[in-house]
Amino acid sequence: MRSPRRCSRNGCPRQAVATLTYVYNDSTAVVGPLAAFAEPHTYDLCEPHARSLTAPRGWELVRHDGEFAPPPPTTDDLVALAEAVREAARPSPPPLEEDRGPQQGRRGHLRVIPPTY
């Protein structure tokens, strides 16, 4: 199982391989390998975003020189549990027309019951 962490950039579906941290006291942005844990004031980035990041004007940018390797597979029980819950929450496909049996009309929360004679 792979790490579920994704790039923090809006709309980016890629897997995170780097972590961006701002050191406000030193006006420095640091891009390094993916941190072991997601921290509240850091940003996970995919490789293209980690390589193309620029620092704000007047700030220094410190970037990891090596390759950004994808995170190793994890066997964390909490991640496995979260994946199992996601899988169970996925809606099942609707039954085929012939599998449904006799139809009763349904509209929102109300059910139409055919009259009996």
N, C-alpha and C. Protein backbone atom coordinates (compact mmCIF):
# COMPACT_ATOMS: atom_id res chain seq x y z
N MET A 1 0.84 -1.17 0.00
CA MET A 1 0.00 0.00 0.00
C MET A 1 0.89 1.24 0.00
N ARG A 2 0.57 2.18 -0.84
CA ARG A 2 1.33 3.42 -0.93
C ARG A 2 0.79 4.47 0.02
N SER A 3 1.63 5.46 0.30
CA SER A 3 1.21 6.56 1.15
C SER A 3 0.09 7.33 0.47
N PRO A 4 -0.99 7.67 1.18
CA PRO A 4 -2.09 8.38 0.55
C PRO A 4 -1.85 9.88 0.44
N ARG A 5 -0.68 10.36 0.85
CA ARG A 5 -0.45 11.80 0.81
C ARG A 5 -0.29 12.27 -0.64
N ARG A 6 -1.00 13.32 -0.95
CA ARG A 6 -1.00 13.91 -2.29
C ARG A 6 -0.42 15.31 -2.24
N CYS A 7 -0.10 15.83 -3.39
CA CYS A 7 0.45 17.18 -3.52
C CYS A 7 -0.56 18.18 -2.95
N SER A 8 -0.08 19.17 -2.22
CA SER A 8 -0.93 20.17 -1.59
C SER A 8 -1.44 21.23 -2.56
N ARG A 9 -0.86 21.31 -3.76
CA ARG A 9 -1.30 22.31 -4.73
C ARG A 9 -2.71 21.98 -5.21
N ASN A 10 -3.55 23.00 -5.31
CA ASN A 10 -4.94 22.80 -5.72
C ASN A 10 -5.02 22.11 -7.08
N GLY A 11 -5.82 21.07 -7.13
CA GLY A 11 -6.07 20.37 -8.38
C GLY A 11 -4.98 19.41 -8.81
N CYS A 12 -3.93 19.26 -8.06
CA CYS A 12 -2.84 18.37 -8.45
C CYS A 12 -3.11 16.97 -7.86
N PRO A 13 -3.24 15.96 -8.72
CA PRO A 13 -3.54 14.62 -8.23
C PRO A 13 -2.30 13.77 -7.95
N ARG A 14 -1.11 14.33 -8.18
CA ARG A 14 0.12 13.53 -8.05
C ARG A 14 0.46 13.21 -6.60
N GLN A 15 1.25 12.16 -6.45
CA GLN A 15 1.71 11.73 -5.14
C GLN A 15 2.80 12.68 -4.63
N ALA A 16 2.76 13.00 -3.35
CA ALA A 16 3.76 13.89 -2.75
C ALA A 16 5.09 13.16 -2.57
N VAL A 17 6.18 13.87 -2.89
CA VAL A 17 7.53 13.31 -2.70
C VAL A 17 8.43 14.29 -1.96
N ALA A 18 7.93 15.49 -1.68
CA ALA A 18 8.74 16.51 -1.02
C ALA A 18 7.88 17.28 -0.03
N THR A 19 8.54 17.93 0.93
CA THR A 19 7.84 18.74 1.93
C THR A 19 8.39 20.16 1.90
N LEU A 20 7.50 21.13 1.84
CA LEU A 20 7.87 22.55 1.87
C LEU A 20 7.59 23.08 3.26
N THR A 21 8.59 23.74 3.83
CA THR A 21 8.47 24.35 5.15
C THR A 21 8.94 25.79 5.07
N TYR A 22 8.19 26.70 5.65
CA TYR A 22 8.61 28.11 5.72
C TYR A 22 9.19 28.37 7.10
N VAL A 23 10.38 28.99 7.12
CA VAL A 23 11.01 29.43 8.37
C VAL A 23 10.86 30.95 8.38
N TYR A 24 9.82 31.43 9.02
CA TYR A 24 9.48 32.84 8.96
C TYR A 24 10.53 33.74 9.61
N ASN A 25 11.14 33.30 10.70
CA ASN A 25 12.15 34.12 11.37
C ASN A 25 13.35 34.41 10.48
N ASP A 26 13.69 33.45 9.61
CA ASP A 26 14.85 33.60 8.72
C ASP A 26 14.46 33.98 7.30
N SER A 27 13.17 34.16 7.02
CA SER A 27 12.68 34.42 5.67
C SER A 27 13.24 33.39 4.69
N THR A 28 13.05 32.13 5.03
CA THR A 28 13.59 31.03 4.24
C THR A 28 12.49 30.00 3.96
N ALA A 29 12.46 29.51 2.73
CA ALA A 29 11.58 28.41 2.35
C ALA A 29 12.47 27.20 2.11
N VAL A 30 12.13 26.07 2.71
CA VAL A 30 12.94 24.86 2.61
C VAL A 30 12.12 23.77 1.93
N VAL A 31 12.67 23.21 0.83
CA VAL A 31 12.04 22.09 0.13
C VAL A 31 12.96 20.90 0.29
N GLY A 32 12.48 19.89 1.01
CA GLY A 32 13.29 18.70 1.26
C GLY A 32 12.50 17.44 0.99
N PRO A 33 13.11 16.29 1.26
CA PRO A 33 12.39 15.03 1.07
C PRO A 33 11.11 14.99 1.90
N LEU A 34 10.20 14.14 1.50
CA LEU A 34 8.90 14.03 2.17
C LEU A 34 9.09 13.70 3.65
N ALA A 35 8.47 14.50 4.50
CA ALA A 35 8.55 14.27 5.95
C ALA A 35 7.81 12.98 6.30
N ALA A 36 8.23 12.36 7.38
CA ALA A 36 7.61 11.10 7.81
C ALA A 36 6.14 11.29 8.17
N PHE A 37 5.80 12.44 8.71
CA PHE A 37 4.42 12.71 9.12
C PHE A 37 3.99 14.06 8.56
N ALA A 38 2.72 14.19 8.22
CA ALA A 38 2.18 15.47 7.75
C ALA A 38 2.05 16.41 8.94
N GLU A 39 2.68 17.55 8.86
CA GLU A 39 2.62 18.55 9.92
C GLU A 39 1.64 19.64 9.53
N PRO A 40 1.04 20.34 10.48
CA PRO A 40 0.04 21.35 10.15
C PRO A 40 0.57 22.54 9.35
N HIS A 41 1.83 22.92 9.54
CA HIS A 41 2.34 24.13 8.88
C HIS A 41 3.34 23.81 7.79
N THR A 42 3.22 22.63 7.18
CA THR A 42 4.07 22.25 6.05
C THR A 42 3.17 21.88 4.88
N TYR A 43 3.77 21.79 3.71
CA TYR A 43 3.02 21.48 2.50
C TYR A 43 3.71 20.34 1.78
N ASP A 44 2.97 19.32 1.40
CA ASP A 44 3.50 18.21 0.64
C ASP A 44 3.41 18.56 -0.84
N LEU A 45 4.48 18.29 -1.58
CA LEU A 45 4.53 18.65 -3.00
C LEU A 45 4.95 17.46 -3.85
N CYS A 46 4.43 17.40 -5.08
CA CYS A 46 4.89 16.41 -6.04
C CYS A 46 6.22 16.91 -6.62
N GLU A 47 6.91 16.07 -7.37
CA GLU A 47 8.22 16.46 -7.87
C GLU A 47 8.18 17.68 -8.79
N PRO A 48 7.27 17.76 -9.77
CA PRO A 48 7.26 18.97 -10.61
C PRO A 48 7.04 20.26 -9.82
N HIS A 49 6.15 20.24 -8.84
CA HIS A 49 5.92 21.45 -8.05
C HIS A 49 7.09 21.73 -7.11
N ALA A 50 7.73 20.70 -6.59
CA ALA A 50 8.89 20.90 -5.72
C ALA A 50 10.06 21.50 -6.50
N ARG A 51 10.23 21.08 -7.74
CA ARG A 51 11.35 21.59 -8.57
C ARG A 51 11.09 23.00 -9.08
N SER A 52 9.83 23.35 -9.33
CA SER A 52 9.53 24.65 -9.94
C SER A 52 9.16 25.73 -8.92
N LEU A 53 9.15 25.40 -7.64
CA LEU A 53 8.77 26.37 -6.61
C LEU A 53 9.75 27.54 -6.55
N THR A 54 9.22 28.72 -6.40
CA THR A 54 10.05 29.90 -6.19
C THR A 54 9.67 30.52 -4.85
N ALA A 55 10.63 31.18 -4.22
CA ALA A 55 10.39 31.80 -2.91
C ALA A 55 9.87 33.22 -3.11
N PRO A 56 9.15 33.73 -2.11
CA PRO A 56 8.70 35.12 -2.20
C PRO A 56 9.90 36.07 -2.29
N ARG A 57 9.65 37.25 -2.84
CA ARG A 57 10.72 38.25 -2.99
C ARG A 57 11.34 38.57 -1.64
N GLY A 58 12.66 38.54 -1.59
CA GLY A 58 13.38 38.82 -0.36
C GLY A 58 13.61 37.58 0.50
N TRP A 59 13.10 36.46 0.09
CA TRP A 59 13.27 35.21 0.83
C TRP A 59 14.34 34.36 0.17
N GLU A 60 14.94 33.50 0.97
CA GLU A 60 15.92 32.55 0.45
C GLU A 60 15.23 31.21 0.28
N LEU A 61 15.59 30.49 -0.80
CA LEU A 61 15.02 29.17 -1.04
C LEU A 61 16.12 28.13 -0.90
N VAL A 62 15.92 27.17 0.00
CA VAL A 62 16.85 26.07 0.19
C VAL A 62 16.15 24.83 -0.35
N ARG A 63 16.77 24.21 -1.38
CA ARG A 63 16.14 23.07 -2.02
C ARG A 63 17.05 21.85 -1.94
N HIS A 64 16.47 20.70 -1.69
CA HIS A 64 17.19 19.42 -1.65
C HIS A 64 17.84 19.19 -3.02
N ASP A 65 19.15 18.84 -3.05
CA ASP A 65 19.86 18.66 -4.31
C ASP A 65 19.61 17.31 -4.97
N GLY A 66 19.34 16.28 -4.19
CA GLY A 66 19.20 14.93 -4.74
C GLY A 66 17.84 14.70 -5.38
N GLU A 67 17.63 13.44 -5.71
CA GLU A 67 16.35 13.03 -6.30
C GLU A 67 15.29 12.95 -5.20
N PHE A 68 14.07 13.23 -5.57
CA PHE A 68 12.95 13.07 -4.66
C PHE A 68 12.37 11.68 -4.91
N ALA A 69 12.60 10.78 -4.01
CA ALA A 69 12.11 9.40 -4.16
C ALA A 69 10.70 9.29 -3.63
N PRO A 70 9.87 8.47 -4.27
CA PRO A 70 8.53 8.27 -3.72
C PRO A 70 8.62 7.58 -2.36
N PRO A 71 7.66 7.84 -1.50
CA PRO A 71 7.72 7.23 -0.16
C PRO A 71 7.61 5.71 -0.25
N PRO A 72 8.23 5.01 0.66
CA PRO A 72 8.15 3.55 0.64
C PRO A 72 6.74 3.09 0.99
N PRO A 73 6.40 1.88 0.60
CA PRO A 73 5.07 1.36 0.99
C PRO A 73 4.94 1.33 2.50
N THR A 74 3.73 1.53 2.98
CA THR A 74 3.50 1.53 4.41
C THR A 74 2.55 0.41 4.78
N THR A 75 2.75 -0.15 5.93
CA THR A 75 1.84 -1.17 6.43
C THR A 75 1.16 -0.66 7.69
N ASP A 76 1.07 0.63 7.82
CA ASP A 76 0.46 1.26 8.98
C ASP A 76 -0.99 0.79 9.14
N ASP A 77 -1.32 0.30 10.29
CA ASP A 77 -2.67 -0.21 10.54
C ASP A 77 -3.73 0.87 10.37
N LEU A 78 -3.42 2.10 10.76
CA LEU A 78 -4.39 3.18 10.63
C LEU A 78 -4.68 3.48 9.17
N VAL A 79 -3.65 3.47 8.32
CA VAL A 79 -3.84 3.71 6.89
C VAL A 79 -4.66 2.56 6.29
N ALA A 80 -4.35 1.33 6.69
CA ALA A 80 -5.10 0.18 6.18
C ALA A 80 -6.57 0.28 6.59
N LEU A 81 -6.82 0.71 7.81
CA LEU A 81 -8.19 0.86 8.28
C LEU A 81 -8.92 1.94 7.48
N ALA A 82 -8.26 3.06 7.24
CA ALA A 82 -8.86 4.15 6.46
C ALA A 82 -9.19 3.67 5.04
N GLU A 83 -8.29 2.91 4.42
CA GLU A 83 -8.55 2.39 3.08
C GLU A 83 -9.75 1.44 3.09
N ALA A 84 -9.85 0.60 4.11
CA ALA A 84 -10.97 -0.33 4.21
C ALA A 84 -12.29 0.42 4.37
N VAL A 85 -12.29 1.49 5.15
CA VAL A 85 -13.51 2.29 5.33
C VAL A 85 -13.88 2.97 4.02
N ARG A 86 -12.90 3.50 3.30
CA ARG A 86 -13.18 4.13 1.99
C ARG A 86 -13.79 3.12 1.03
N GLU A 87 -13.22 1.92 1.00
CA GLU A 87 -13.71 0.87 0.11
C GLU A 87 -15.14 0.49 0.46
N ALA A 88 -15.44 0.36 1.75
CA ALA A 88 -16.78 0.00 2.19
C ALA A 88 -17.79 1.11 1.91
N ALA A 89 -17.34 2.35 1.87
CA ALA A 89 -18.24 3.48 1.67
C ALA A 89 -18.57 3.72 0.21
N ARG A 90 -17.82 3.09 -0.70
CA ARG A 90 -18.11 3.28 -2.12
C ARG A 90 -19.47 2.70 -2.44
N PRO A 91 -20.28 3.42 -3.21
CA PRO A 91 -21.61 2.89 -3.52
C PRO A 91 -21.50 1.69 -4.45
N SER A 92 -22.38 0.73 -4.23
CA SER A 92 -22.39 -0.44 -5.10
C SER A 92 -23.11 -0.08 -6.39
N PRO A 93 -22.78 -0.76 -7.49
CA PRO A 93 -23.46 -0.44 -8.76
C PRO A 93 -24.94 -0.78 -8.65
N PRO A 94 -25.79 -0.02 -9.35
CA PRO A 94 -27.23 -0.29 -9.27
C PRO A 94 -27.53 -1.66 -9.87
N PRO A 95 -28.54 -2.35 -9.34
CA PRO A 95 -28.87 -3.66 -9.87
C PRO A 95 -29.42 -3.54 -11.29
N LEU A 96 -29.25 -4.59 -12.06
CA LEU A 96 -29.78 -4.61 -13.42
C LEU A 96 -31.29 -4.60 -13.38
N GLU A 97 -31.90 -4.15 -14.47
CA GLU A 97 -33.36 -4.01 -14.54
C GLU A 97 -34.07 -5.32 -14.23
N GLU A 98 -33.56 -6.45 -14.75
CA GLU A 98 -34.24 -7.73 -14.52
C GLU A 98 -34.05 -8.25 -13.11
N ASP A 99 -33.03 -7.76 -12.38
CA ASP A 99 -32.77 -8.21 -11.01
C ASP A 99 -33.62 -7.49 -9.97
N ARG A 100 -34.27 -6.43 -10.34
CA ARG A 100 -34.99 -5.60 -9.37
C ARG A 100 -36.31 -6.20 -8.91
N GLY A 101 -36.98 -6.99 -9.75
CA GLY A 101 -38.28 -7.53 -9.37
C GLY A 101 -39.37 -6.51 -9.63
N PRO A 102 -40.52 -6.66 -9.01
CA PRO A 102 -41.62 -5.71 -9.23
C PRO A 102 -41.23 -4.32 -8.73
N GLN A 103 -41.58 -3.34 -9.54
CA GLN A 103 -41.20 -1.96 -9.24
C GLN A 103 -42.27 -1.24 -8.44
N GLN A 104 -41.83 -0.54 -7.45
CA GLN A 104 -42.68 0.39 -6.73
C GLN A 104 -42.07 1.76 -6.95
N GLY A 105 -42.89 2.74 -7.27
CA GLY A 105 -42.37 4.07 -7.51
C GLY A 105 -41.74 4.65 -6.25
N ARG A 106 -40.67 5.40 -6.42
CA ARG A 106 -40.00 6.01 -5.28
C ARG A 106 -39.60 7.42 -5.67
N ARG A 107 -39.94 8.37 -4.84
CA ARG A 107 -39.62 9.75 -5.12
C ARG A 107 -39.10 10.38 -3.84
N GLY A 108 -37.76 10.62 -3.79
CA GLY A 108 -37.17 11.20 -2.59
C GLY A 108 -37.36 10.27 -1.41
N HIS A 109 -37.94 10.74 -0.35
CA HIS A 109 -38.15 9.92 0.84
C HIS A 109 -39.54 9.28 0.86
N LEU A 110 -40.38 9.59 -0.15
CA LEU A 110 -41.74 9.05 -0.19
C LEU A 110 -41.77 7.83 -1.10
N ARG A 111 -42.63 6.89 -0.79
CA ARG A 111 -42.76 5.68 -1.58
C ARG A 111 -44.20 5.60 -2.08
N VAL A 112 -44.35 5.31 -3.38
CA VAL A 112 -45.67 5.14 -3.96
C VAL A 112 -45.99 3.65 -3.95
N ILE A 113 -47.07 3.30 -3.29
CA ILE A 113 -47.47 1.89 -3.20
C ILE A 113 -48.64 1.69 -4.14
N PRO A 114 -48.54 0.69 -5.03
CA PRO A 114 -49.63 0.47 -5.98
C PRO A 114 -50.89 0.01 -5.23
N PRO A 115 -52.06 0.43 -5.72
CA PRO A 115 -53.31 0.04 -5.04
C PRO A 115 -53.56 -1.46 -5.17
N THR A 116 -54.19 -2.03 -4.17
CA THR A 116 -54.59 -3.43 -4.21
C THR A 116 -56.09 -3.50 -4.40
N TYR A 117 -56.57 -4.28 -5.33
CA TYR A 117 -58.02 -4.39 -5.61
C TYR A 117 -58.54 -5.69 -5.16
